[in-house]
Amino acid sequence: MFNYGQAALCALFVFGIWLRTRELMFLAWSLIFGFVTLGDAARFHERGGLLLAATFDLVSLPGMRARDTGEIITWSLVALGLLAPLLWSFWQSRPRQQALGSVFLLLFACLVGFAVAVDMLHFLTGSKLVGYAEDGGEMLSIAVACCSAFILYRGLGRYADLQALDPSLPFSKRT
């Protein structure tokens, strides 16, 4: 539940950044973190995986269940739908915004790594330690993303001037 709250806050802070900057990349990140929140809370990938496994009689990948294959397919389809606007908006952004968006990309990659790769390793090994690493890694990734979004949102203040956050400028030149 705590992770859902952090993911929702992250989506809201990034949406607030979009409201202040009108940079479409931040709107795309808000949608992604919003889906992470709703997808986890509604157990979207588990339900999608079961539905696909039953409907299409999916084969299981080595060491996995058919529903795991369905979960991977479910997340892949959603990822394609959410990745296209993100890539387009990233391409349209200026270098400074791309750099800020890259922070969220790195954190999201960490989240996906723990949620997918370490989750599969947890299933294969059954190890409690791997389970703790999976949950802890997901929570840490979301926590850092939420904190980063909050810091950026607060740093922008009311005046969406991303130049104000440029560490290469002396303080006297920052607005």
Protein backbone atom coordinates (compact mmCIF):
# COMPACT_ATOMS: atom_id res chain seq x y z
CA MET A 1 0.00 0.00 0.00
CA PHE A 2 2.87 2.36 0.82
CA ASN A 3 4.35 1.73 -2.62
CA TYR A 4 1.01 2.52 -4.28
CA GLY A 5 0.91 5.82 -2.42
CA GLN A 6 4.44 6.71 -3.45
CA ALA A 7 3.78 5.82 -7.10
CA ALA A 8 0.59 7.91 -7.05
CA LEU A 9 2.43 10.86 -5.50
CA CYS A 10 5.17 10.53 -8.09
CA ALA A 11 2.56 10.62 -10.88
CA LEU A 12 0.95 13.71 -9.31
CA PHE A 13 4.25 15.55 -8.85
CA VAL A 14 5.31 14.82 -12.41
CA PHE A 15 1.86 15.94 -13.60
CA GLY A 16 2.42 19.16 -11.64
CA ILE A 17 5.75 19.58 -13.41
CA TRP A 18 3.94 19.20 -16.72
CA LEU A 19 1.37 21.82 -15.68
CA ARG A 20 4.20 24.25 -14.93
CA THR A 21 6.40 23.50 -17.93
CA ARG A 22 4.00 22.14 -20.57
CA GLU A 23 6.79 19.74 -21.54
CA LEU A 24 4.99 16.70 -22.96
CA MET A 25 7.68 14.37 -21.67
CA PHE A 26 6.54 15.05 -18.11
CA LEU A 27 2.94 14.31 -19.06
CA ALA A 28 4.09 11.00 -20.53
CA TRP A 29 5.99 10.17 -17.31
CA SER A 30 2.92 11.09 -15.29
CA LEU A 31 0.85 8.64 -17.33
CA ILE A 32 3.45 5.92 -16.87
CA PHE A 33 3.67 6.34 -13.08
CA GLY A 34 -0.12 6.62 -12.95
CA PHE A 35 -0.41 3.31 -14.76
CA VAL A 36 2.16 1.77 -12.44
CA THR A 37 -0.07 2.79 -9.54
CA LEU A 38 -3.31 1.52 -11.05
CA GLY A 39 -1.71 -1.57 -12.58
CA ASP A 40 -0.22 -2.68 -9.27
CA ALA A 41 -3.31 -1.86 -7.22
CA ALA A 42 -5.67 -3.65 -9.63
CA ARG A 43 -3.18 -6.51 -10.18
CA PHE A 44 -3.49 -5.79 -13.90
CA HIS A 45 -0.56 -7.90 -15.07
CA GLU A 46 -1.53 -10.90 -12.93
CA ARG A 47 -5.09 -10.84 -14.22
CA GLY A 48 -3.95 -10.20 -17.79
CA GLY A 49 -1.45 -13.03 -17.53
CA LEU A 50 -4.08 -15.48 -16.33
CA LEU A 51 -6.53 -14.37 -19.01
CA LEU A 52 -3.99 -14.69 -21.82
CA ALA A 53 -2.76 -18.07 -20.55
CA ALA A 54 -6.30 -19.45 -20.41
CA THR A 55 -7.56 -17.86 -23.63
CA PHE A 56 -4.61 -18.66 -25.87
CA ASP A 57 -3.31 -21.79 -24.13
CA LEU A 58 0.11 -20.21 -23.79
CA VAL A 59 3.16 -22.37 -23.41
CA SER A 60 5.36 -21.75 -20.44
CA LEU A 61 8.88 -20.53 -20.88
CA PRO A 62 11.57 -22.72 -19.29
CA GLY A 63 11.26 -22.62 -15.50
CA MET A 64 8.09 -20.51 -15.63
CA ARG A 65 4.35 -20.97 -15.65
CA ALA A 66 2.09 -20.16 -18.60
CA ARG A 67 0.60 -17.29 -16.62
CA ASP A 68 4.11 -15.81 -16.22
CA THR A 69 4.40 -15.80 -20.00
CA GLY A 70 1.00 -14.08 -20.12
CA GLU A 71 2.18 -11.47 -17.60
CA ILE A 72 5.22 -10.68 -19.72
CA ILE A 73 3.02 -10.33 -22.81
CA THR A 74 0.55 -8.13 -20.91
CA TRP A 75 3.27 -5.77 -19.66
CA SER A 76 4.92 -5.72 -23.09
CA LEU A 77 1.70 -4.62 -24.78
CA VAL A 78 1.12 -1.90 -22.21
CA ALA A 79 4.74 -0.81 -22.44
CA LEU A 80 4.47 -0.38 -26.20
CA GLY A 81 1.41 1.80 -25.76
CA LEU A 82 3.04 3.98 -23.11
CA LEU A 83 6.53 4.00 -24.57
CA ALA A 84 5.57 5.50 -27.93
CA PRO A 85 4.35 8.86 -26.52
CA LEU A 86 7.32 8.95 -24.13
CA LEU A 87 9.86 8.47 -26.90
CA TRP A 88 8.16 11.03 -29.13
CA SER A 89 7.98 13.60 -26.33
CA PHE A 90 11.59 12.88 -25.34
CA TRP A 91 12.68 13.48 -28.93
CA GLN A 92 10.74 16.79 -28.98
CA SER A 93 12.26 18.05 -25.71
CA ARG A 94 15.25 20.31 -25.24
CA PRO A 95 18.49 18.83 -23.85
CA ARG A 96 17.89 20.05 -20.28
CA GLN A 97 14.46 18.45 -20.15
CA GLN A 98 15.87 15.31 -21.72
CA ALA A 99 18.43 15.15 -18.94
CA LEU A 100 15.71 15.49 -16.31
CA GLY A 101 13.59 12.89 -18.08
CA SER A 102 16.59 10.56 -18.18
CA VAL A 103 16.59 10.51 -14.38
CA PHE A 104 13.05 9.11 -14.44
CA LEU A 105 14.08 6.69 -17.20
CA LEU A 106 16.90 5.32 -15.06
CA LEU A 107 14.65 4.96 -12.01
CA PHE A 108 11.90 3.35 -14.07
CA ALA A 109 14.43 0.91 -15.55
CA CYS A 110 15.44 -0.02 -12.00
CA LEU A 111 11.79 -0.52 -11.07
CA VAL A 112 11.19 -2.74 -14.09
CA GLY A 113 14.37 -4.69 -13.40
CA PHE A 114 13.26 -5.52 -9.88
CA ALA A 115 9.61 -6.04 -10.81
CA VAL A 116 10.34 -8.36 -13.73
CA ALA A 117 13.83 -9.86 -13.61
CA VAL A 118 14.20 -10.22 -9.84
CA ASP A 119 10.55 -11.33 -9.58
CA MET A 120 11.23 -14.17 -12.03
CA LEU A 121 14.40 -15.05 -10.12
CA HIS A 122 12.35 -15.08 -6.92
CA PHE A 123 9.86 -17.47 -8.49
CA LEU A 124 12.61 -19.75 -9.80
CA THR A 125 14.59 -19.90 -6.57
CA GLY A 126 11.85 -19.48 -3.97
CA SER A 127 14.44 -17.68 -1.86
CA LYS A 128 13.15 -15.30 0.80
CA LEU A 129 16.28 -13.21 0.37
CA VAL A 130 15.56 -12.74 -3.34
CA GLY A 131 11.96 -11.88 -2.42
CA TYR A 132 13.19 -9.20 -0.03
CA ALA A 133 15.53 -7.87 -2.72
CA GLU A 134 12.63 -7.76 -5.18
CA ASP A 135 10.25 -5.90 -2.88
CA GLY A 136 12.97 -3.66 -1.47
CA GLY A 137 14.29 -2.77 -4.90
CA GLU A 138 10.82 -1.87 -6.15
CA MET A 139 10.15 0.25 -3.07
CA LEU A 140 13.51 2.02 -3.29
CA SER A 141 13.07 2.73 -7.01
CA ILE A 142 9.62 4.25 -6.46
CA ALA A 143 10.79 6.18 -3.37
CA VAL A 144 13.69 7.78 -5.23
CA ALA A 145 11.45 8.56 -8.23
CA CYS A 146 8.88 10.16 -5.92
CA CYS A 147 11.55 12.20 -4.12
CA SER A 148 13.08 13.28 -7.43
CA ALA A 149 9.69 14.37 -8.76
CA PHE A 150 8.99 16.28 -5.54
CA ILE A 151 12.37 18.04 -5.60
CA LEU A 152 11.91 19.02 -9.24
CA TYR A 153 8.35 20.16 -8.65
CA ARG A 154 9.36 22.26 -5.63
CA GLY A 155 12.46 23.56 -7.41
CA LEU A 156 10.38 24.93 -10.23
CA GLY A 157 8.19 26.96 -7.92
CA ARG A 158 5.44 28.80 -9.70
CA TYR A 159 7.54 29.87 -12.62
CA ALA A 160 8.42 26.81 -14.68
CA ASP A 161 11.90 28.09 -15.55
CA LEU A 162 14.02 25.00 -15.90
CA GLN A 163 17.07 27.22 -16.28
CA ALA A 164 16.72 27.90 -12.56
CA LEU A 165 17.72 24.31 -11.91
CA ASP A 166 20.77 24.32 -14.19
CA PRO A 167 23.72 23.52 -11.90
CA SER A 168 26.20 24.77 -14.52
CA LEU A 169 24.98 28.36 -14.07
CA PRO A 170 26.22 30.50 -11.20
CA PHE A 171 23.55 31.36 -8.63
CA SER A 172 23.46 34.97 -9.82
CA LYS A 173 22.30 33.81 -13.29
CA ARG A 174 19.62 31.44 -12.03
CA THR A 175 16.11 32.79 -11.85
